[in-house]
Amino acid sequence: QKHMDKTLEKIRGEIDGIREDIDAQQDKINALKSGKDIVD
């Protein structure tokens, strides 16, 4: 049970990191589409 909980926490952390990266990239894409600023 402890091993499974630890593994699930790792997986949740990785998923949260991926979601943050996706949101950041989506914000950059939206900014480019709207023509606000040039984004790297």
PDB file of all heavy atoms in Angstrom:
ATOM      1  N   GLN A   1       0.832  -1.199   0.000  1.00  0.00           N
ATOM      2  CA  GLN A   1       0.000   0.000   0.000  1.00  0.00           C
ATOM      3  C   GLN A   1       0.872   1.256   0.000  1.00  0.00           C
ATOM      4  O   GLN A   1       0.623   2.200  -0.748  1.00  0.00           O
ATOM      5  CB  GLN A   1      -0.908  -0.002   1.227  1.00  0.00           C
ATOM      6  CG  GLN A   1      -1.873   1.137   1.281  1.00  0.00           C
ATOM      7  CD  GLN A   1      -3.241   0.748   0.847  1.00  0.00           C
ATOM      8  OE1 GLN A   1      -3.560  -0.424   0.852  1.00  0.00           O
ATOM      9  NE2 GLN A   1      -4.047   1.698   0.488  1.00  0.00           N
ATOM     10  N   LYS A   2       1.905   1.277   0.843  1.00  0.00           N
ATOM     11  CA  LYS A   2       2.810   2.428   0.885  1.00  0.00           C
ATOM     12  C   LYS A   2       3.513   2.612  -0.455  1.00  0.00           C
ATOM     13  O   LYS A   2       3.666   3.742  -0.942  1.00  0.00           O
ATOM     14  CB  LYS A   2       3.847   2.251   1.996  1.00  0.00           C
ATOM     15  CG  LYS A   2       3.299   2.442   3.377  1.00  0.00           C
ATOM     16  CD  LYS A   2       4.380   2.242   4.425  1.00  0.00           C
ATOM     17  CE  LYS A   2       3.811   2.320   5.818  1.00  0.00           C
ATOM     18  NZ  LYS A   2       4.836   2.090   6.846  1.00  0.00           N
ATOM     19  N   HIS A   3       3.958   1.514  -1.048  1.00  0.00           N
ATOM     20  CA  HIS A   3       4.639   1.592  -2.336  1.00  0.00           C
ATOM     21  C   HIS A   3       3.692   2.133  -3.409  1.00  0.00           C
ATOM     22  O   HIS A   3       4.080   2.979  -4.221  1.00  0.00           O
ATOM     23  CB  HIS A   3       5.164   0.214  -2.737  1.00  0.00           C
ATOM     24  CG  HIS A   3       5.806   0.182  -4.077  1.00  0.00           C
ATOM     25  ND1 HIS A   3       7.017   0.788  -4.331  1.00  0.00           N
ATOM     26  CD2 HIS A   3       5.406  -0.351  -5.261  1.00  0.00           C
ATOM     27  CE1 HIS A   3       7.339   0.621  -5.595  1.00  0.00           C
ATOM     28  NE2 HIS A   3       6.364  -0.068  -6.184  1.00  0.00           N
ATOM     29  N   MET A   4       2.451   1.651  -3.406  1.00  0.00           N
ATOM     30  CA  MET A   4       1.478   2.124  -4.393  1.00  0.00           C
ATOM     31  C   MET A   4       1.169   3.607  -4.187  1.00  0.00           C
ATOM     32  O   MET A   4       1.074   4.365  -5.157  1.00  0.00           O
ATOM     33  CB  MET A   4       0.198   1.292  -4.315  1.00  0.00           C
ATOM     34  CG  MET A   4       0.357  -0.106  -4.856  1.00  0.00           C
ATOM     35  SD  MET A   4      -1.109  -1.132  -4.653  1.00  0.00           S
ATOM     36  CE  MET A   4      -2.332  -0.201  -5.525  1.00  0.00           C
ATOM     37  N   ASP A   5       1.028   4.039  -2.942  1.00  0.00           N
ATOM     38  CA  ASP A   5       0.765   5.449  -2.665  1.00  0.00           C
ATOM     39  C   ASP A   5       1.922   6.323  -3.134  1.00  0.00           C
ATOM     40  O   ASP A   5       1.711   7.388  -3.731  1.00  0.00           O
ATOM     41  CB  ASP A   5       0.527   5.664  -1.168  1.00  0.00           C
ATOM     42  CG  ASP A   5      -0.785   5.070  -0.691  1.00  0.00           C
ATOM     43  OD1 ASP A   5      -1.650   4.763  -1.533  1.00  0.00           O
ATOM     44  OD2 ASP A   5      -0.935   4.904   0.545  1.00  0.00           O
ATOM     45  N   LYS A   6       3.135   5.870  -2.876  1.00  0.00           N
ATOM     46  CA  LYS A   6       4.315   6.627  -3.291  1.00  0.00           C
ATOM     47  C   LYS A   6       4.389   6.717  -4.816  1.00  0.00           C
ATOM     48  O   LYS A   6       4.665   7.780  -5.372  1.00  0.00           O
ATOM     49  CB  LYS A   6       5.575   5.945  -2.741  1.00  0.00           C
ATOM     50  CG  LYS A   6       6.849   6.681  -2.997  1.00  0.00           C
ATOM     51  CD  LYS A   6       8.018   5.956  -2.360  1.00  0.00           C
ATOM     52  CE  LYS A   6       9.327   6.625  -2.681  1.00  0.00           C
ATOM     53  NZ  LYS A   6      10.464   5.894  -2.134  1.00  0.00           N
ATOM     54  N   THR A   7       4.101   5.619  -5.493  1.00  0.00           N
ATOM     55  CA  THR A   7       4.122   5.593  -6.944  1.00  0.00           C
ATOM     56  C   THR A   7       3.041   6.502  -7.518  1.00  0.00           C
ATOM     57  O   THR A   7       3.284   7.244  -8.477  1.00  0.00           O
ATOM     58  CB  THR A   7       3.938   4.154  -7.461  1.00  0.00           C
ATOM     59  OG1 THR A   7       4.985   3.341  -6.908  1.00  0.00           O
ATOM     60  CG2 THR A   7       4.013   4.085  -8.970  1.00  0.00           C
ATOM     61  N   LEU A   8       1.844   6.455  -6.932  1.00  0.00           N
ATOM     62  CA  LEU A   8       0.765   7.316  -7.408  1.00  0.00           C
ATOM     63  C   LEU A   8       1.103   8.790  -7.215  1.00  0.00           C
ATOM     64  O   LEU A   8       0.763   9.619  -8.069  1.00  0.00           O
ATOM     65  CB  LEU A   8      -0.539   6.966  -6.704  1.00  0.00           C
ATOM     66  CG  LEU A   8      -1.236   5.705  -7.189  1.00  0.00           C
ATOM     67  CD1 LEU A   8      -2.461   5.397  -6.335  1.00  0.00           C
ATOM     68  CD2 LEU A   8      -1.656   5.847  -8.636  1.00  0.00           C
ATOM     69  N   GLU A   9       1.743   9.131  -6.118  1.00  0.00           N
ATOM     70  CA  GLU A   9       2.149  10.519  -5.903  1.00  0.00           C
ATOM     71  C   GLU A   9       3.156  10.969  -6.959  1.00  0.00           C
ATOM     72  O   GLU A   9       3.095  12.087  -7.454  1.00  0.00           O
ATOM     73  CB  GLU A   9       2.730  10.701  -4.500  1.00  0.00           C
ATOM     74  CG  GLU A   9       1.701  10.720  -3.410  1.00  0.00           C
ATOM     75  CD  GLU A   9       0.681  11.834  -3.586  1.00  0.00           C
ATOM     76  OE1 GLU A   9       1.068  12.979  -3.902  1.00  0.00           O
ATOM     77  OE2 GLU A   9      -0.517  11.554  -3.419  1.00  0.00           O
ATOM     78  N   LYS A  10       4.092  10.090  -7.312  1.00  0.00           N
ATOM     79  CA  LYS A  10       5.051  10.412  -8.367  1.00  0.00           C
ATOM     80  C   LYS A  10       4.338  10.653  -9.689  1.00  0.00           C
ATOM     81  O   LYS A  10       4.624  11.614 -10.402  1.00  0.00           O
ATOM     82  CB  LYS A  10       6.049   9.261  -8.562  1.00  0.00           C
ATOM     83  CG  LYS A  10       7.237   9.281  -7.690  1.00  0.00           C
ATOM     84  CD  LYS A  10       8.170   8.151  -8.133  1.00  0.00           C
ATOM     85  CE  LYS A  10       9.396   8.054  -7.299  1.00  0.00           C
ATOM     86  NZ  LYS A  10      10.250   6.943  -7.722  1.00  0.00           N
ATOM     87  N   ILE A  11       3.412   9.763 -10.013  1.00  0.00           N
ATOM     88  CA  ILE A  11       2.680   9.878 -11.272  1.00  0.00           C
ATOM     89  C   ILE A  11       1.847  11.157 -11.284  1.00  0.00           C
ATOM     90  O   ILE A  11       1.806  11.871 -12.294  1.00  0.00           O
ATOM     91  CB  ILE A  11       1.804   8.632 -11.510  1.00  0.00           C
ATOM     92  CG1 ILE A  11       2.698   7.420 -11.782  1.00  0.00           C
ATOM     93  CG2 ILE A  11       0.835   8.845 -12.661  1.00  0.00           C
ATOM     94  CD1 ILE A  11       1.963   6.106 -11.806  1.00  0.00           C
ATOM     95  N   ARG A  12       1.182  11.457 -10.169  1.00  0.00           N
ATOM     96  CA  ARG A  12       0.396  12.693 -10.099  1.00  0.00           C
ATOM     97  C   ARG A  12       1.278  13.917 -10.285  1.00  0.00           C
ATOM     98  O   ARG A  12       0.890  14.878 -10.950  1.00  0.00           O
ATOM     99  CB  ARG A  12      -0.343  12.764  -8.765  1.00  0.00           C
ATOM    100  CG  ARG A  12      -1.514  11.845  -8.690  1.00  0.00           C
ATOM    101  CD  ARG A  12      -2.294  12.041  -7.388  1.00  0.00           C
ATOM    102  NE  ARG A  12      -3.344  11.053  -7.296  1.00  0.00           N
ATOM    103  CZ  ARG A  12      -3.509  10.215  -6.293  1.00  0.00           C
ATOM    104  NH1 ARG A  12      -2.692  10.248  -5.263  1.00  0.00           N
ATOM    105  NH2 ARG A  12      -4.497   9.349  -6.293  1.00  0.00           N
ATOM    106  N   GLY A  13       2.455  13.903  -9.689  1.00  0.00           N
ATOM    107  CA  GLY A  13       3.388  15.016  -9.860  1.00  0.00           C
ATOM    108  C   GLY A  13       3.814  15.183 -11.308  1.00  0.00           C
ATOM    109  O   GLY A  13       3.886  16.309 -11.826  1.00  0.00           O
ATOM    110  N   GLU A  14       4.092  14.063 -11.978  1.00  0.00           N
ATOM    111  CA  GLU A  14       4.477  14.136 -13.386  1.00  0.00           C
ATOM    112  C   GLU A  14       3.325  14.657 -14.248  1.00  0.00           C
ATOM    113  O   GLU A  14       3.531  15.465 -15.148  1.00  0.00           O
ATOM    114  CB  GLU A  14       4.922  12.760 -13.876  1.00  0.00           C
ATOM    115  CG  GLU A  14       6.245  12.312 -13.291  1.00  0.00           C
ATOM    116  CD  GLU A  14       6.640  10.913 -13.725  1.00  0.00           C
ATOM    117  OE1 GLU A  14       6.013  10.373 -14.646  1.00  0.00           O
ATOM    118  OE2 GLU A  14       7.582  10.370 -13.126  1.00  0.00           O
ATOM    119  N   ILE A  15       2.112  14.201 -13.957  1.00  0.00           N
ATOM    120  CA  ILE A  15       0.943  14.666 -14.714  1.00  0.00           C
ATOM    121  C   ILE A  15       0.734  16.158 -14.493  1.00  0.00           C
ATOM    122  O   ILE A  15       0.453  16.901 -15.450  1.00  0.00           O
ATOM    123  CB  ILE A  15      -0.317  13.858 -14.316  1.00  0.00           C
ATOM    124  CG1 ILE A  15      -0.203  12.433 -14.849  1.00  0.00           C
ATOM    125  CG2 ILE A  15      -1.580  14.524 -14.847  1.00  0.00           C
ATOM    126  CD1 ILE A  15      -1.282  11.506 -14.346  1.00  0.00           C
ATOM    127  N   ASP A  16       0.865  16.623 -13.265  1.00  0.00           N
ATOM    128  CA  ASP A  16       0.710  18.053 -12.985  1.00  0.00           C
ATOM    129  C   ASP A  16       1.760  18.875 -13.733  1.00  0.00           C
ATOM    130  O   ASP A  16       1.450  19.947 -14.278  1.00  0.00           O
ATOM    131  CB  ASP A  16       0.803  18.325 -11.489  1.00  0.00           C
ATOM    132  CG  ASP A  16      -0.412  17.818 -10.726  1.00  0.00           C
ATOM    133  OD1 ASP A  16      -1.467  17.590 -11.364  1.00  0.00           O
ATOM    134  OD2 ASP A  16      -0.305  17.655  -9.490  1.00  0.00           O
ATOM    135  N   GLY A  17       2.996  18.382 -13.773  1.00  0.00           N
ATOM    136  CA  GLY A  17       4.047  19.077 -14.520  1.00  0.00           C
ATOM    137  C   GLY A  17       3.741  19.149 -16.005  1.00  0.00           C
ATOM    138  O   GLY A  17       3.932  20.186 -16.641  1.00  0.00           O
ATOM    139  N   ILE A  18       3.251  18.060 -16.559  1.00  0.00           N
ATOM    140  CA  ILE A  18       2.898  18.042 -17.983  1.00  0.00           C
ATOM    141  C   ILE A  18       1.744  18.999 -18.252  1.00  0.00           C
ATOM    142  O   ILE A  18       1.754  19.729 -19.255  1.00  0.00           O
ATOM    143  CB  ILE A  18       2.547  16.605 -18.427  1.00  0.00           C
ATOM    144  CG1 ILE A  18       3.807  15.738 -18.402  1.00  0.00           C
ATOM    145  CG2 ILE A  18       1.915  16.601 -19.816  1.00  0.00           C
ATOM    146  CD1 ILE A  18       3.545  14.256 -18.572  1.00  0.00           C
ATOM    147  N   ARG A  19       0.755  19.013 -17.359  1.00  0.00           N
ATOM    148  CA  ARG A  19      -0.373  19.949 -17.530  1.00  0.00           C
ATOM    149  C   ARG A  19       0.094  21.389 -17.500  1.00  0.00           C
ATOM    150  O   ARG A  19      -0.380  22.219 -18.275  1.00  0.00           O
ATOM    151  CB  ARG A  19      -1.416  19.726 -16.435  1.00  0.00           C
ATOM    152  CG  ARG A  19      -2.262  18.523 -16.654  1.00  0.00           C
ATOM    153  CD  ARG A  19      -3.319  18.409 -15.587  1.00  0.00           C
ATOM    154  NE  ARG A  19      -4.114  17.206 -15.790  1.00  0.00           N
ATOM    155  CZ  ARG A  19      -4.801  16.607 -14.858  1.00  0.00           C
ATOM    156  NH1 ARG A  19      -4.822  17.098 -13.631  1.00  0.00           N
ATOM    157  NH2 ARG A  19      -5.505  15.519 -15.128  1.00  0.00           N
ATOM    158  N   GLU A  20       1.007  21.712 -16.586  1.00  0.00           N
ATOM    159  CA  GLU A  20       1.538  23.077 -16.516  1.00  0.00           C
ATOM    160  C   GLU A  20       2.266  23.441 -17.799  1.00  0.00           C
ATOM    161  O   GLU A  20       2.124  24.559 -18.311  1.00  0.00           O
ATOM    162  CB  GLU A  20       2.458  23.218 -15.309  1.00  0.00           C
ATOM    163  CG  GLU A  20       1.735  23.170 -13.986  1.00  0.00           C
ATOM    164  CD  GLU A  20       2.678  23.122 -12.794  1.00  0.00           C
ATOM    165  OE1 GLU A  20       3.914  23.207 -12.986  1.00  0.00           O
ATOM    166  OE2 GLU A  20       2.165  22.991 -11.670  1.00  0.00           O
ATOM    167  N   ASP A  21       3.053  22.505 -18.338  1.00  0.00           N
ATOM    168  CA  ASP A  21       3.751  22.762 -19.602  1.00  0.00           C
ATOM    169  C   ASP A  21       2.765  22.978 -20.745  1.00  0.00           C
ATOM    170  O   ASP A  21       2.946  23.881 -21.568  1.00  0.00           O
ATOM    171  CB  ASP A  21       4.684  21.599 -19.950  1.00  0.00           C
ATOM    172  CG  ASP A  21       5.878  21.502 -19.019  1.00  0.00           C
ATOM    173  OD1 ASP A  21       6.159  22.491 -18.312  1.00  0.00           O
ATOM    174  OD2 ASP A  21       6.530  20.431 -19.005  1.00  0.00           O
ATOM    175  N   ILE A  22       1.727  22.154 -20.782  1.00  0.00           N
ATOM    176  CA  ILE A  22       0.717  22.293 -21.840  1.00  0.00           C
ATOM    177  C   ILE A  22       0.005  23.636 -21.712  1.00  0.00           C
ATOM    178  O   ILE A  22      -0.203  24.336 -22.716  1.00  0.00           O
ATOM    179  CB  ILE A  22      -0.293  21.129 -21.782  1.00  0.00           C
ATOM    180  CG1 ILE A  22       0.382  19.833 -22.215  1.00  0.00           C
ATOM    181  CG2 ILE A  22      -1.514  21.421 -22.642  1.00  0.00           C
ATOM    182  CD1 ILE A  22      -0.461  18.595 -21.995  1.00  0.00           C
ATOM    183  N   ASP A  23      -0.368  24.019 -20.500  1.00  0.00           N
ATOM    184  CA  ASP A  23      -1.043  25.303 -20.302  1.00  0.00           C
ATOM    185  C   ASP A  23      -0.147  26.467 -20.708  1.00  0.00           C
ATOM    186  O   ASP A  23      -0.611  27.436 -21.329  1.00  0.00           O
ATOM    187  CB  ASP A  23      -1.477  25.456 -18.838  1.00  0.00           C
ATOM    188  CG  ASP A  23      -2.607  24.517 -18.467  1.00  0.00           C
ATOM    189  OD1 ASP A  23      -3.289  24.007 -19.391  1.00  0.00           O
ATOM    190  OD2 ASP A  23      -2.806  24.283 -17.246  1.00  0.00           O
ATOM    191  N   ALA A  24       1.149  26.378 -20.357  1.00  0.00           N
ATOM    192  CA  ALA A  24       2.076  27.449 -20.729  1.00  0.00           C
ATOM    193  C   ALA A  24       2.205  27.550 -22.247  1.00  0.00           C
ATOM    194  O   ALA A  24       2.176  28.652 -22.807  1.00  0.00           O
ATOM    195  CB  ALA A  24       3.439  27.212 -20.083  1.00  0.00           C
ATOM    196  N   GLN A  25       2.327  26.413 -22.910  1.00  0.00           N
ATOM    197  CA  GLN A  25       2.430  26.432 -24.376  1.00  0.00           C
ATOM    198  C   GLN A  25       1.133  26.930 -24.999  1.00  0.00           C
ATOM    199  O   GLN A  25       1.163  27.684 -25.975  1.00  0.00           O
ATOM    200  CB  GLN A  25       2.765  25.034 -24.910  1.00  0.00           C
ATOM    201  CG  GLN A  25       4.159  24.561 -24.589  1.00  0.00           C
ATOM    202  CD  GLN A  25       5.228  25.434 -25.206  1.00  0.00           C
ATOM    203  OE1 GLN A  25       5.079  25.924 -26.331  1.00  0.00           O
ATOM    204  NE2 GLN A  25       6.307  25.652 -24.481  1.00  0.00           N
ATOM    205  N   GLN A  26      -0.004  26.545 -24.446  1.00  0.00           N
ATOM    206  CA  GLN A  26      -1.292  27.008 -24.980  1.00  0.00           C
ATOM    207  C   GLN A  26      -1.423  28.521 -24.812  1.00  0.00           C
ATOM    208  O   GLN A  26      -1.930  29.200 -25.715  1.00  0.00           O
ATOM    209  CB  GLN A  26      -2.447  26.294 -24.274  1.00  0.00           C
ATOM    210  CG  GLN A  26      -3.801  26.564 -24.894  1.00  0.00           C
ATOM    211  CD  GLN A  26      -3.896  26.027 -26.315  1.00  0.00           C
ATOM    212  OE1 GLN A  26      -3.468  24.921 -26.592  1.00  0.00           O
ATOM    213  NE2 GLN A  26      -4.454  26.826 -27.201  1.00  0.00           N
ATOM    214  N   ASP A  27      -0.966  29.055 -23.689  1.00  0.00           N
ATOM    215  CA  ASP A  27      -0.995  30.503 -23.485  1.00  0.00           C
ATOM    216  C   ASP A  27      -0.126  31.216 -24.519  1.00  0.00           C
ATOM    217  O   ASP A  27      -0.514  32.265 -25.057  1.00  0.00           O
ATOM    218  CB  ASP A  27      -0.528  30.859 -22.077  1.00  0.00           C
ATOM    219  CG  ASP A  27      -1.519  30.441 -21.007  1.00  0.00           C
ATOM    220  OD1 ASP A  27      -2.700  30.178 -21.354  1.00  0.00           O
ATOM    221  OD2 ASP A  27      -1.113  30.370 -19.815  1.00  0.00           O
ATOM    222  N   LYS A  28       1.031  30.656 -24.810  1.00  0.00           N
ATOM    223  CA  LYS A  28       1.907  31.251 -25.820  1.00  0.00           C
ATOM    224  C   LYS A  28       1.259  31.210 -27.197  1.00  0.00           C
ATOM    225  O   LYS A  28       1.325  32.184 -27.956  1.00  0.00           O
ATOM    226  CB  LYS A  28       3.250  30.522 -25.841  1.00  0.00           C
ATOM    227  CG  LYS A  28       4.093  30.771 -24.609  1.00  0.00           C
ATOM    228  CD  LYS A  28       5.376  29.961 -24.653  1.00  0.00           C
ATOM    229  CE  LYS A  28       6.162  30.130 -23.382  1.00  0.00           C
ATOM    230  NZ  LYS A  28       7.393  29.332 -23.383  1.00  0.00           N
ATOM    231  N   ILE A  29       0.635  30.095 -27.528  1.00  0.00           N
ATOM    232  CA  ILE A  29      -0.034  29.957 -28.824  1.00  0.00           C
ATOM    233  C   ILE A  29      -1.198  30.939 -28.914  1.00  0.00           C
ATOM    234  O   ILE A  29      -1.380  31.604 -29.950  1.00  0.00           O
ATOM    235  CB  ILE A  29      -0.513  28.506 -29.035  1.00  0.00           C
ATOM    236  CG1 ILE A  29       0.690  27.592 -29.226  1.00  0.00           C
ATOM    237  CG2 ILE A  29      -1.463  28.403 -30.221  1.00  0.00           C
ATOM    238  CD1 ILE A  29       0.369  26.115 -29.195  1.00  0.00           C
ATOM    239  N   ASN A  30      -1.972  31.056 -27.859  1.00  0.00           N
ATOM    240  CA  ASN A  30      -3.093  32.005 -27.854  1.00  0.00           C
ATOM    241  C   ASN A  30      -2.610  33.436 -28.003  1.00  0.00           C
ATOM    242  O   ASN A  30      -3.251  34.250 -28.679  1.00  0.00           O
ATOM    243  CB  ASN A  30      -3.920  31.848 -26.580  1.00  0.00           C
ATOM    244  CG  ASN A  30      -4.687  30.542 -26.546  1.00  0.00           C
ATOM    245  OD1 ASN A  30      -4.908  29.915 -27.581  1.00  0.00           O
ATOM    246  ND2 ASN A  30      -5.080  30.125 -25.347  1.00  0.00           N
ATOM    247  N   ALA A  31      -1.488  33.750 -27.354  1.00  0.00           N
ATOM    248  CA  ALA A  31      -0.927  35.099 -27.474  1.00  0.00           C
ATOM    249  C   ALA A  31      -0.491  35.363 -28.913  1.00  0.00           C
ATOM    250  O   ALA A  31      -0.692  36.458 -29.435  1.00  0.00           O
ATOM    251  CB  ALA A  31       0.241  35.267 -26.519  1.00  0.00           C
ATOM    252  N   LEU A  32       0.088  34.385 -29.579  1.00  0.00           N
ATOM    253  CA  LEU A  32       0.492  34.544 -30.976  1.00  0.00           C
ATOM    254  C   LEU A  32      -0.715  34.715 -31.892  1.00  0.00           C
ATOM    255  O   LEU A  32      -0.704  35.530 -32.809  1.00  0.00           O
ATOM    256  CB  LEU A  32       1.323  33.352 -31.437  1.00  0.00           C
ATOM    257  CG  LEU A  32       2.764  33.308 -30.958  1.00  0.00           C
ATOM    258  CD1 LEU A  32       3.424  31.999 -31.391  1.00  0.00           C
ATOM    259  CD2 LEU A  32       3.549  34.485 -31.500  1.00  0.00           C
ATOM    260  N   LYS A  33      -1.758  33.918 -31.640  1.00  0.00           N
ATOM    261  CA  LYS A  33      -2.959  34.002 -32.467  1.00  0.00           C
ATOM    262  C   LYS A  33      -3.642  35.355 -32.326  1.00  0.00           C
ATOM    263  O   LYS A  33      -4.171  35.894 -33.286  1.00  0.00           O
ATOM    264  CB  LYS A  33      -3.950  32.894 -32.089  1.00  0.00           C
ATOM    265  CG  LYS A  33      -3.557  31.541 -32.596  1.00  0.00           C
ATOM    266  CD  LYS A  33      -4.608  30.506 -32.238  1.00  0.00           C
ATOM    267  CE  LYS A  33      -4.223  29.133 -32.733  1.00  0.00           C
ATOM    268  NZ  LYS A  33      -5.213  28.117 -32.344  1.00  0.00           N
ATOM    269  N   SER A  34      -3.635  35.894 -31.127  1.00  0.00           N
ATOM    270  CA  SER A  34      -4.294  37.175 -30.915  1.00  0.00           C
ATOM    271  C   SER A  34      -3.415  38.334 -31.370  1.00  0.00           C
ATOM    272  O   SER A  34      -3.884  39.458 -31.476  1.00  0.00           O
ATOM    273  CB  SER A  34      -4.677  37.340 -29.445  1.00  0.00           C
ATOM    274  OG  SER A  34      -3.519  37.407 -28.650  1.00  0.00           O
ATOM    275  N   GLY A  35      -2.138  38.069 -31.618  1.00  0.00           N
ATOM    276  CA  GLY A  35      -1.230  39.087 -32.127  1.00  0.00           C
ATOM    277  C   GLY A  35      -0.779  40.068 -31.073  1.00  0.00           C
ATOM    278  O   GLY A  35      -0.340  41.165 -31.402  1.00  0.00           O
ATOM    279  N   LYS A  36      -0.874  39.716 -29.823  1.00  0.00           N
ATOM    280  CA  LYS A  36      -0.491  40.640 -28.750  1.00  0.00           C
ATOM    281  C   LYS A  36       1.013  40.888 -28.728  1.00  0.00           C
ATOM    282  O   LYS A  36       1.482  42.002 -28.920  1.00  0.00           O
ATOM    283  CB  LYS A  36      -0.937  40.114 -27.395  1.00  0.00           C
ATOM    284  CG  LYS A  36      -2.425  40.142 -27.197  1.00  0.00           C
ATOM    285  CD  LYS A  36      -2.768  39.647 -25.818  1.00  0.00           C
ATOM    286  CE  LYS A  36      -4.283  39.657 -25.639  1.00  0.00           C
ATOM    287  NZ  LYS A  36      -4.671  39.097 -24.364  1.00  0.00           N
ATOM    288  N   ASP A  37       1.762  39.876 -28.463  1.00  0.00           N
ATOM    289  CA  ASP A  37       3.218  40.013 -28.351  1.00  0.00           C
ATOM    290  C   ASP A  37       3.868  38.867 -29.107  1.00  0.00           C
ATOM    291  O   ASP A  37       3.279  37.822 -29.313  1.00  0.00           O
ATOM    292  CB  ASP A  37       3.673  39.932 -26.875  1.00  0.00           C
ATOM    293  CG  ASP A  37       3.169  41.110 -26.063  1.00  0.00           C
ATOM    294  OD1 ASP A  37       3.060  42.207 -26.650  1.00  0.00           O
ATOM    295  OD2 ASP A  37       2.910  40.933 -24.870  1.00  0.00           O
ATOM    296  N   ILE A  38       5.116  39.094 -29.453  1.00  0.00           N
ATOM    297  CA  ILE A  38       5.883  37.996 -30.039  1.00  0.00           C
ATOM    298  C   ILE A  38       6.422  37.168 -28.870  1.00  0.00           C
ATOM    299  O   ILE A  38       7.078  37.659 -27.984  1.00  0.00           O
ATOM    300  CB  ILE A  38       7.036  38.535 -30.917  1.00  0.00           C
ATOM    301  CG1 ILE A  38       6.467  39.320 -32.075  1.00  0.00           C
ATOM    302  CG2 ILE A  38       7.923  37.399 -31.375  1.00  0.00           C
ATOM    303  CD1 ILE A  38       7.483  39.978 -32.949  1.00  0.00           C
ATOM    304  N   VAL A  39       6.137  35.884 -28.931  1.00  0.00           N
ATOM    305  CA  VAL A  39       6.489  34.996 -27.827  1.00  0.00           C
ATOM    306  C   VAL A  39       7.474  33.962 -28.336  1.00  0.00           C
ATOM    307  O   VAL A  39       7.333  33.432 -29.442  1.00  0.00           O
ATOM    308  CB  VAL A  39       5.214  34.283 -27.274  1.00  0.00           C
ATOM    309  CG1 VAL A  39       5.581  33.349 -26.160  1.00  0.00           C
ATOM    310  CG2 VAL A  39       4.211  35.307 -26.832  1.00  0.00           C
ATOM    311  N   ASP A  40       8.478  33.653 -27.526  1.00  0.00           N
ATOM    312  CA  ASP A  40       9.458  32.636 -27.872  1.00  0.00           C
ATOM    313  C   ASP A  40       8.886  31.274 -27.552  1.00  0.00           C
ATOM    314  O   ASP A  40       8.647  30.948 -26.391  1.00  0.00           O
ATOM    315  CB  ASP A  40      10.745  32.880 -27.100  1.00  0.00           C
ATOM    316  CG  ASP A  40      11.850  31.895 -27.467  1.00  0.00           C
ATOM    317  OD1 ASP A  40      11.739  31.285 -28.565  1.00  0.00           O
ATOM    318  OD2 ASP A  40      12.787  31.727 -26.679  1.00  0.00           O
TER     319      ASP A  40
END
